[in-house]
C-alpha atoms as a PDB file:
ATOM      1  CA  MET A   1     118.493 126.170 119.802  1.00  0.00           C
ATOM      2  CA  GLU A   2     120.311 125.744 122.622  1.00  0.00           C
ATOM      3  CA  ASN A   3     121.212 121.907 123.349  1.00  0.00           C
ATOM      4  CA  SER A   4     121.054 121.366 118.706  1.00  0.00           C
ATOM      5  CA  ALA A   5     123.219 124.069 119.081  1.00  0.00           C
ATOM      6  CA  GLN A   6     126.332 122.141 121.334  1.00  0.00           C
ATOM      7  CA  ARG A   7     124.946 118.688 120.249  1.00  0.00           C
ATOM      8  CA  GLU A   8     126.745 120.666 116.530  1.00  0.00           C
ATOM      9  CA  PHE A   9     129.346 122.424 117.464  1.00  0.00           C
ATOM     10  CA  ASP A  10     130.163 119.001 119.948  1.00  0.00           C
ATOM     11  CA  GLU A  11     129.984 116.765 117.020  1.00  0.00           C
ATOM     12  CA  ARG A  12     130.641 118.480 114.064  1.00  0.00           C
ATOM     13  CA  GLY A  13     133.133 120.805 115.013  1.00  0.00           C
ATOM     14  CA  PHE A  14     130.699 124.170 113.685  1.00  0.00           C
ATOM     15  CA  ILE A  15     127.648 125.630 113.361  1.00  0.00           C
ATOM     16  CA  VAL A  16     126.457 127.495 110.163  1.00  0.00           C
ATOM     17  CA  LEU A  17     124.024 130.758 110.900  1.00  0.00           C
ATOM     18  CA  LYS A  18     122.377 131.488 108.117  1.00  0.00           C
ATOM     19  CA  GLY A  19     120.960 135.775 107.334  1.00  0.00           C
ATOM     20  CA  ALA A  20     122.922 136.042 110.530  1.00  0.00           C
ATOM     21  CA  LEU A  21     123.847 139.442 109.032  1.00  0.00           C
ATOM     22  CA  GLU A  22     121.344 141.954 107.960  1.00  0.00           C
ATOM     23  CA  ARG A  23     123.072 142.526 104.295  1.00  0.00           C
ATOM     24  CA  ALA A  24     123.003 146.001 104.586  1.00  0.00           C
ATOM     25  CA  ALA A  25     125.439 145.999 106.963  1.00  0.00           C
ATOM     26  CA  CYS A  26     127.516 143.486 105.131  1.00  0.00           C
ATOM     27  CA  GLU A  27     127.269 146.234 102.260  1.00  0.00           C
ATOM     28  CA  ARG A  28     128.760 148.924 104.912  1.00  0.00           C
ATOM     29  CA  MET A  29     132.116 146.684 105.183  1.00  0.00           C
ATOM     30  CA  VAL A  30     132.534 146.042 102.239  1.00  0.00           C
ATOM     31  CA  GLU A  31     132.541 149.637 101.505  1.00  0.00           C
ATOM     32  CA  SER A  32     134.521 150.124 104.288  1.00  0.00           C
ATOM     33  CA  LEU A  33     136.616 147.625 102.607  1.00  0.00           C
ATOM     34  CA  TRP A  34     137.374 149.240  99.318  1.00  0.00           C
ATOM     35  CA  ARG A  35     138.160 152.748 100.726  1.00  0.00           C
ATOM     36  CA  VAL A  36     140.648 151.177 102.699  1.00  0.00           C
ATOM     37  CA  LEU A  37     142.077 148.739 100.163  1.00  0.00           C
ATOM     38  CA  GLU A  38     142.411 151.980  98.115  1.00  0.00           C
ATOM     39  CA  GLU A  39     144.280 153.628 100.858  1.00  0.00           C
ATOM     40  CA  THR A  40     146.871 151.151 101.784  1.00  0.00           C
ATOM     41  CA  HIS A  41     146.656 149.109  98.116  1.00  0.00           C
ATOM     42  CA  SER A  42     145.687 151.241  95.421  1.00  0.00           C
ATOM     43  CA  ILE A  43     143.549 149.074  95.037  1.00  0.00           C
ATOM     44  CA  GLN A  44     140.673 150.371  92.759  1.00  0.00           C
ATOM     45  CA  GLN A  45     136.893 149.560  93.025  1.00  0.00           C
ATOM     46  CA  ASP A  46     136.423 149.906  89.290  1.00  0.00           C
ATOM     47  CA  ASP A  47     139.541 149.124  88.156  1.00  0.00           C
ATOM     48  CA  ARG A  48     140.837 144.972  87.698  1.00  0.00           C
ATOM     49  CA  ALA A  49     143.642 146.608  86.467  1.00  0.00           C
ATOM     50  CA  THR A  50     144.313 147.102  89.551  1.00  0.00           C
ATOM     51  CA  TRP A  51     143.647 143.644  91.646  1.00  0.00           C
ATOM     52  CA  THR A  52     146.960 142.458  91.681  1.00  0.00           C
ATOM     53  CA  VAL A  53     147.626 141.612  94.853  1.00  0.00           C
ATOM     54  CA  ALA A  54     145.246 138.672  95.383  1.00  0.00           C
ATOM     55  CA  GLN A  55     145.303 138.489  99.140  1.00  0.00           C
ATOM     56  CA  PRO A  56     146.471 142.365 100.185  1.00  0.00           C
ATOM     57  CA  ARG A  57     148.083 141.807 104.131  1.00  0.00           C
ATOM     58  CA  GLY A  58     148.407 145.141 106.628  1.00  0.00           C
ATOM     59  CA  LEU A  59     145.069 145.600 107.110  1.00  0.00           C
ATOM     60  CA  LYS A  60     145.385 146.521 110.638  1.00  0.00           C
ATOM     61  CA  ILE A  61     143.997 149.846 110.421  1.00  0.00           C
ATOM     62  CA  VAL A  62     140.443 148.063 109.936  1.00  0.00           C
ATOM     63  CA  ARG A  63     140.536 147.292 113.254  1.00  0.00           C
ATOM     64  CA  GLU A  64     141.669 150.364 114.798  1.00  0.00           C
ATOM     65  CA  ARG A  65     139.167 152.003 113.163  1.00  0.00           C
ATOM     66  CA  ASN A  66     136.596 149.190 113.905  1.00  0.00           C
ATOM     67  CA  LEU A  67     135.879 149.214 111.019  1.00  0.00           C
ATOM     68  CA  LEU A  68     133.994 145.678 111.060  1.00  0.00           C
ATOM     69  CA  ALA A  69     131.464 146.444 114.105  1.00  0.00           C
ATOM     70  CA  ASP A  70     128.757 145.844 112.449  1.00  0.00           C
ATOM     71  CA  LEU A  71     130.213 141.611 112.642  1.00  0.00           C
ATOM     72  CA  LYS A  72     129.174 141.937 116.158  1.00  0.00           C
ATOM     73  CA  ASN A  73     124.804 141.679 116.751  1.00  0.00           C
ATOM     74  CA  GLU A  74     121.939 140.304 118.940  1.00  0.00           C
ATOM     75  CA  ALA A  75     121.827 137.007 116.344  1.00  0.00           C
ATOM     76  CA  ILE A  76     125.562 135.839 117.272  1.00  0.00           C
ATOM     77  CA  VAL A  77     126.452 137.120 120.611  1.00  0.00           C
ATOM     78  CA  ASP A  78     123.239 134.894 121.777  1.00  0.00           C
ATOM     79  CA  THR A  79     125.141 131.903 119.592  1.00  0.00           C
ATOM     80  CA  ILE A  80     127.851 132.605 121.667  1.00  0.00           C
ATOM     81  CA  ASP A  81     126.372 132.789 125.142  1.00  0.00           C
ATOM     82  CA  ILE A  82     124.806 128.927 124.286  1.00  0.00           C
ATOM     83  CA  LEU A  83     128.498 127.947 122.579  1.00  0.00           C
ATOM     84  CA  LEU A  84     131.196 129.291 125.784  1.00  0.00           C
ATOM     85  CA  GLY A  85     128.493 130.346 128.056  1.00  0.00           C
ATOM     86  CA  ALA A  86     126.729 133.733 128.881  1.00  0.00           C
ATOM     87  CA  GLY A  87     129.570 135.776 131.089  1.00  0.00           C
ATOM     88  CA  ASN A  88     132.265 133.338 130.411  1.00  0.00           C
ATOM     89  CA  TRP A  89     134.129 134.569 127.557  1.00  0.00           C
ATOM     90  CA  ILE A  90     136.074 137.775 126.688  1.00  0.00           C
ATOM     91  CA  GLU A  91     134.767 140.800 124.327  1.00  0.00           C
ATOM     92  CA  PRO A  92     137.507 141.658 121.957  1.00  0.00           C
ATOM     93  CA  ALA A  93     138.551 145.563 122.985  1.00  0.00           C
ATOM     94  CA  THR A  94     136.883 145.688 118.793  1.00  0.00           C
ATOM     95  CA  TRP A  95     134.933 142.998 116.304  1.00  0.00           C
ATOM     96  CA  GLY A  96     135.818 142.022 113.066  1.00  0.00           C
ATOM     97  CA  GLY A  97     139.554 141.325 111.290  1.00  0.00           C
ATOM     98  CA  PRO A  98     139.286 141.630 107.208  1.00  0.00           C
ATOM     99  CA  LEU A  99     139.958 138.693 105.010  1.00  0.00           C
ATOM    100  CA  VAL A 100     139.171 139.148 101.158  1.00  0.00           C
ATOM    101  CA  THR A 101     141.104 137.641  98.341  1.00  0.00           C
ATOM    102  CA  PHE A 102     141.263 138.469  94.508  1.00  0.00           C
ATOM    103  CA  PRO A 103     140.722 136.178  91.894  1.00  0.00           C
ATOM    104  CA  THR A 104     143.540 134.050  90.384  1.00  0.00           C
ATOM    105  CA  LYS A 105     142.973 132.026  87.173  1.00  0.00           C
ATOM    106  CA  GLY A 106     142.096 128.856  87.818  1.00  0.00           C
ATOM    107  CA  PRO A 107     140.867 125.533  87.633  1.00  0.00           C
ATOM    108  CA  TRP A 108     140.089 125.169  91.552  1.00  0.00           C
ATOM    109  CA  ALA A 109     141.396 122.688  93.601  1.00  0.00           C
ATOM    110  CA  LEU A 110     141.373 121.608  96.601  1.00  0.00           C
ATOM    111  CA  PRO A 111     144.781 122.591  98.673  1.00  0.00           C
ATOM    112  CA  SER A 112     147.327 120.098  99.541  1.00  0.00           C
ATOM    113  CA  GLY A 113     148.736 122.565 102.363  1.00  0.00           C
ATOM    114  CA  CYS A 114     148.175 124.920 104.938  1.00  0.00           C
ATOM    115  CA  TRP A 115     145.772 123.139 106.216  1.00  0.00           C
ATOM    116  CA  HIS A 116     145.619 124.821 110.126  1.00  0.00           C
ATOM    117  CA  MET A 117     144.507 124.702 113.743  1.00  0.00           C
ATOM    118  CA  ASP A 118     144.042 127.591 115.152  1.00  0.00           C
ATOM    119  CA  TYR A 119     145.380 127.049 118.298  1.00  0.00           C
ATOM    120  CA  PRO A 120     148.272 123.883 118.836  1.00  0.00           C
ATOM    121  CA  ALA A 121     146.592 121.083 120.257  1.00  0.00           C
ATOM    122  CA  LYS A 122     147.712 120.415 123.918  1.00  0.00           C
ATOM    123  CA  PHE A 123     145.728 121.543 127.633  1.00  0.00           C
ATOM    124  CA  ASP A 124     142.416 119.713 127.626  1.00  0.00           C
ATOM    125  CA  PRO A 125     140.281 122.766 128.901  1.00  0.00           C
ATOM    126  CA  GLY A 126     137.127 121.544 127.928  1.00  0.00           C
ATOM    127  CA  PRO A 127     135.000 120.866 125.111  1.00  0.00           C
ATOM    128  CA  ARG A 128     133.855 124.536 124.194  1.00  0.00           C
ATOM    129  CA  PHE A 129     136.817 127.064 125.518  1.00  0.00           C
ATOM    130  CA  ALA A 130     136.905 128.760 122.382  1.00  0.00           C
ATOM    131  CA  LEU A 131     135.361 129.721 118.805  1.00  0.00           C
ATOM    132  CA  LYS A 132     136.490 131.523 115.350  1.00  0.00           C
ATOM    133  CA  ILE A 133     133.508 133.375 113.231  1.00  0.00           C
ATOM    134  CA  LEU A 134     133.605 134.228 109.868  1.00  0.00           C
ATOM    135  CA  ALA A 135     131.094 136.389 108.360  1.00  0.00           C
ATOM    136  CA  LEU A 136     130.200 136.396 104.475  1.00  0.00           C
ATOM    137  CA  LEU A 137     130.264 139.807 103.262  1.00  0.00           C
ATOM    138  CA  GLY A 138     128.923 139.018  99.204  1.00  0.00           C
ATOM    139  CA  ASP A 139     127.871 136.130  97.921  1.00  0.00           C
ATOM    140  CA  MET A 140     130.093 133.343  98.021  1.00  0.00           C
ATOM    141  CA  LYS A 141     129.490 130.407  95.649  1.00  0.00           C
ATOM    142  CA  PRO A 142     132.167 127.352  94.578  1.00  0.00           C
ATOM    143  CA  GLY A 143     134.704 128.274  93.950  1.00  0.00           C
ATOM    144  CA  GLY A 144     134.713 132.048  95.377  1.00  0.00           C
ATOM    145  CA  GLY A 145     138.115 131.776  97.709  1.00  0.00           C
ATOM    146  CA  ALA A 146     135.363 130.131 100.579  1.00  0.00           C
ATOM    147  CA  THR A 147     137.014 128.683 103.449  1.00  0.00           C
ATOM    148  CA  LEU A 148     137.355 124.550 103.779  1.00  0.00           C
ATOM    149  CA  LEU A 149     136.606 123.216 106.621  1.00  0.00           C
ATOM    150  CA  CYS A 150     137.096 119.665 107.794  1.00  0.00           C
ATOM    151  CA  PRO A 151     133.770 117.922 109.796  1.00  0.00           C
ATOM    152  CA  GLY A 152     134.774 116.345 112.530  1.00  0.00           C
ATOM    153  CA  SER A 153     138.108 117.132 113.359  1.00  0.00           C
ATOM    154  CA  HIS A 154     139.050 118.345 116.489  1.00  0.00           C
ATOM    155  CA  LYS A 155     137.461 115.424 117.876  1.00  0.00           C
ATOM    156  CA  HIS A 156     140.354 113.772 115.904  1.00  0.00           C
ATOM    157  CA  ALA A 157     142.673 116.771 118.173  1.00  0.00           C
ATOM    158  CA  HIS A 158     141.065 116.444 121.115  1.00  0.00           C
ATOM    159  CA  ARG A 159     142.028 112.566 120.760  1.00  0.00           C
ATOM    160  CA  LEU A 160     145.787 112.950 120.396  1.00  0.00           C
ATOM    161  CA  ILE A 161     145.827 115.431 123.228  1.00  0.00           C
ATOM    162  CA  ARG A 162     144.312 113.377 125.974  1.00  0.00           C
ATOM    163  CA  GLN A 163     146.872 110.299 124.324  1.00  0.00           C
ATOM    164  CA  ALA A 164     149.538 111.920 124.697  1.00  0.00           C
ATOM    165  CA  PRO A 165     152.307 113.027 127.548  1.00  0.00           C
ATOM    166  CA  ASN A 166     151.553 115.936 129.120  1.00  0.00           C
ATOM    167  CA  ASN A 167     148.171 116.366 127.072  1.00  0.00           C
ATOM    168  CA  ASN A 168     150.420 118.381 124.045  1.00  0.00           C
ATOM    169  CA  ALA A 169     149.783 116.218 120.558  1.00  0.00           C
ATOM    170  CA  GLY A 170     151.618 119.197 119.107  1.00  0.00           C
ATOM    171  CA  SER A 171     150.779 121.462 116.617  1.00  0.00           C
ATOM    172  CA  SER A 172     148.914 121.727 112.932  1.00  0.00           C
ATOM    173  CA  THR A 173     151.462 119.606 111.471  1.00  0.00           C
ATOM    174  CA  ASP A 174     151.953 117.374 114.168  1.00  0.00           C
ATOM    175  CA  VAL A 175     148.338 116.443 114.396  1.00  0.00           C
ATOM    176  CA  ARG A 176     148.446 116.062 110.257  1.00  0.00           C
ATOM    177  CA  ARG A 177     151.495 113.156 110.605  1.00  0.00           C
ATOM    178  CA  LYS A 178     149.689 111.667 113.075  1.00  0.00           C
ATOM    179  CA  LEU A 179     146.475 111.219 111.406  1.00  0.00           C
ATOM    180  CA  ALA A 180     147.788 109.964 108.215  1.00  0.00           C
ATOM    181  CA  LYS A 181     149.379 107.342 109.572  1.00  0.00           C
ATOM    182  CA  GLU A 182     146.364 106.216 110.954  1.00  0.00           C
ATOM    183  CA  GLY A 183     144.779 106.514 107.583  1.00  0.00           C
ATOM    184  CA  ILE A 184     143.110 109.082 108.428  1.00  0.00           C
ATOM    185  CA  ASP A 185     142.169 111.551 105.099  1.00  0.00           C
ATOM    186  CA  LEU A 186     141.505 114.707 107.145  1.00  0.00           C
ATOM    187  CA  MET A 187     140.390 116.984 103.687  1.00  0.00           C
ATOM    188  CA  LYS A 188     138.193 113.935 102.397  1.00  0.00           C
ATOM    189  CA  ASP A 189     134.364 115.303 103.623  1.00  0.00           C
ATOM    190  CA  ALA A 190     135.957 118.816 103.551  1.00  0.00           C
ATOM    191  CA  TYR A 191     133.061 121.472 103.565  1.00  0.00           C
ATOM    192  CA  GLU A 192     133.241 124.303 101.424  1.00  0.00           C
ATOM    193  CA  PHE A 193     131.560 127.115 102.808  1.00  0.00           C
ATOM    194  CA  ILE A 194     129.817 129.184 100.413  1.00  0.00           C
ATOM    195  CA  GLY A 195     126.127 131.207 101.064  1.00  0.00           C
ATOM    196  CA  LYS A 196     124.754 133.886 101.062  1.00  0.00           C
ATOM    197  CA  ALA A 197     125.938 137.895 102.567  1.00  0.00           C
ATOM    198  CA  GLY A 198     125.122 137.411 106.155  1.00  0.00           C
ATOM    199  CA  ASP A 199     125.662 134.385 106.461  1.00  0.00           C
ATOM    200  CA  VAL A 200     127.547 133.434 109.790  1.00  0.00           C
ATOM    201  CA  VAL A 201     130.090 130.314 110.243  1.00  0.00           C
ATOM    202  CA  LEU A 202     131.931 129.978 113.884  1.00  0.00           C
ATOM    203  CA  PHE A 203     134.400 126.493 114.944  1.00  0.00           C
ATOM    204  CA  HIS A 204     136.323 125.492 117.327  1.00  0.00           C
ATOM    205  CA  PRO A 205     140.165 126.063 117.311  1.00  0.00           C
ATOM    206  CA  TRP A 206     141.182 122.406 116.727  1.00  0.00           C
ATOM    207  CA  LEU A 207     138.466 122.247 113.935  1.00  0.00           C
ATOM    208  CA  PHE A 208     141.286 121.839 110.578  1.00  0.00           C
ATOM    209  CA  HIS A 209     140.588 124.590 108.471  1.00  0.00           C
ATOM    210  CA  ASN A 210     141.865 125.740 105.290  1.00  0.00           C
ATOM    211  CA  GLY A 211     141.229 129.020 102.465  1.00  0.00           C
ATOM    212  CA  SER A 212     140.750 128.195  98.948  1.00  0.00           C
ATOM    213  CA  PRO A 213     141.304 129.640  95.531  1.00  0.00           C
ATOM    214  CA  ASN A 214     139.512 132.545  93.736  1.00  0.00           C
ATOM    215  CA  VAL A 215     138.588 131.840  90.658  1.00  0.00           C
ATOM    216  CA  ARG A 216     135.233 133.722  89.986  1.00  0.00           C
ATOM    217  CA  ALA A 217     135.316 136.881  89.200  1.00  0.00           C
ATOM    218  CA  LYS A 218     134.748 139.200  91.947  1.00  0.00           C
ATOM    219  CA  PRO A 219     136.933 139.825  95.394  1.00  0.00           C
ATOM    220  CA  ARG A 220     135.896 137.571  98.246  1.00  0.00           C
ATOM    221  CA  PHE A 221     135.493 139.539 101.525  1.00  0.00           C
ATOM    222  CA  MET A 222     135.157 138.044 104.794  1.00  0.00           C
ATOM    223  CA  ALA A 223     134.949 138.953 108.742  1.00  0.00           C
ATOM    224  CA  GLU A 224     136.777 136.655 110.973  1.00  0.00           C
ATOM    225  CA  GLN A 225     136.562 137.364 114.953  1.00  0.00           C
ATOM    226  CA  ASN A 226     138.822 134.880 117.724  1.00  0.00           C
ATOM    227  CA  ILE A 227     136.284 134.933 121.704  1.00  0.00           C
ATOM    228  CA  ASN A 228     138.082 133.335 124.346  1.00  0.00           C
ATOM    229  CA  THR A 229     136.552 132.328 126.943  1.00  0.00           C
ATOM    230  CA  PRO A 230     139.628 133.411 130.218  1.00  0.00           C
ATOM    231  CA  ALA A 231     140.409 129.794 130.696  1.00  0.00           C
ATOM    232  CA  ALA A 232     141.688 129.830 126.351  1.00  0.00           C
ATOM    233  CA  LEU A 233     143.003 133.439 126.896  1.00  0.00           C
ATOM    234  CA  LYS A 234     145.237 131.595 129.909  1.00  0.00           C
ATOM    235  CA  LEU A 235     146.455 128.821 127.681  1.00  0.00           C
ATOM    236  CA  TYR A 236     147.160 129.711 124.797  1.00  0.00           C
ATOM    237  CA  HIS A 237     148.332 133.891 124.807  1.00  0.00           C
END
């Protein structure tokens, strides 16, 4: 798996692990999130009238209480080791930040704004220096608020970095503007990360991505985690 996973990550900018988390673990995490939503926003699972906030914020107690710790498991850690190198990444103090999107009225449309990278397009620490983990905590169908990924877009960012003075191609907006001048449409082949509860994607910090509207009948629950090498921590934080 090692070489194929590395090649896929380097070429597409992301790798999907089907069934990386057990469904029971996902259900536990979702139950915890419902309790937090009721505590912080008075959002109740069995009362749709309380689902008035599309994307609830201020959920830092999820990390403080380590409620998504099940995001760390052997399959995910093994894949991080393959991509970043065993012993070459920093263990997070707590695992798992929440991403919650409640349903809104349709129709679904591809978002035009907010496409971004997680890290600025500067420096050149090597091909694999950090990654983001996103885990589906419930089944995800098209139009259900999935994260959208632009395959291969990290390579455009890396190219612009190498061409830029001081290896600094700027922010996500700067990179998008430069690529648009070259006639490159990042969103043309956007990949909608859908699947079953427990599916996980790991992607490059220079990969352009975006959220999307949830026009389905149920909320979208995901867990996220950034993983850094010491080089990334020094350069970007």
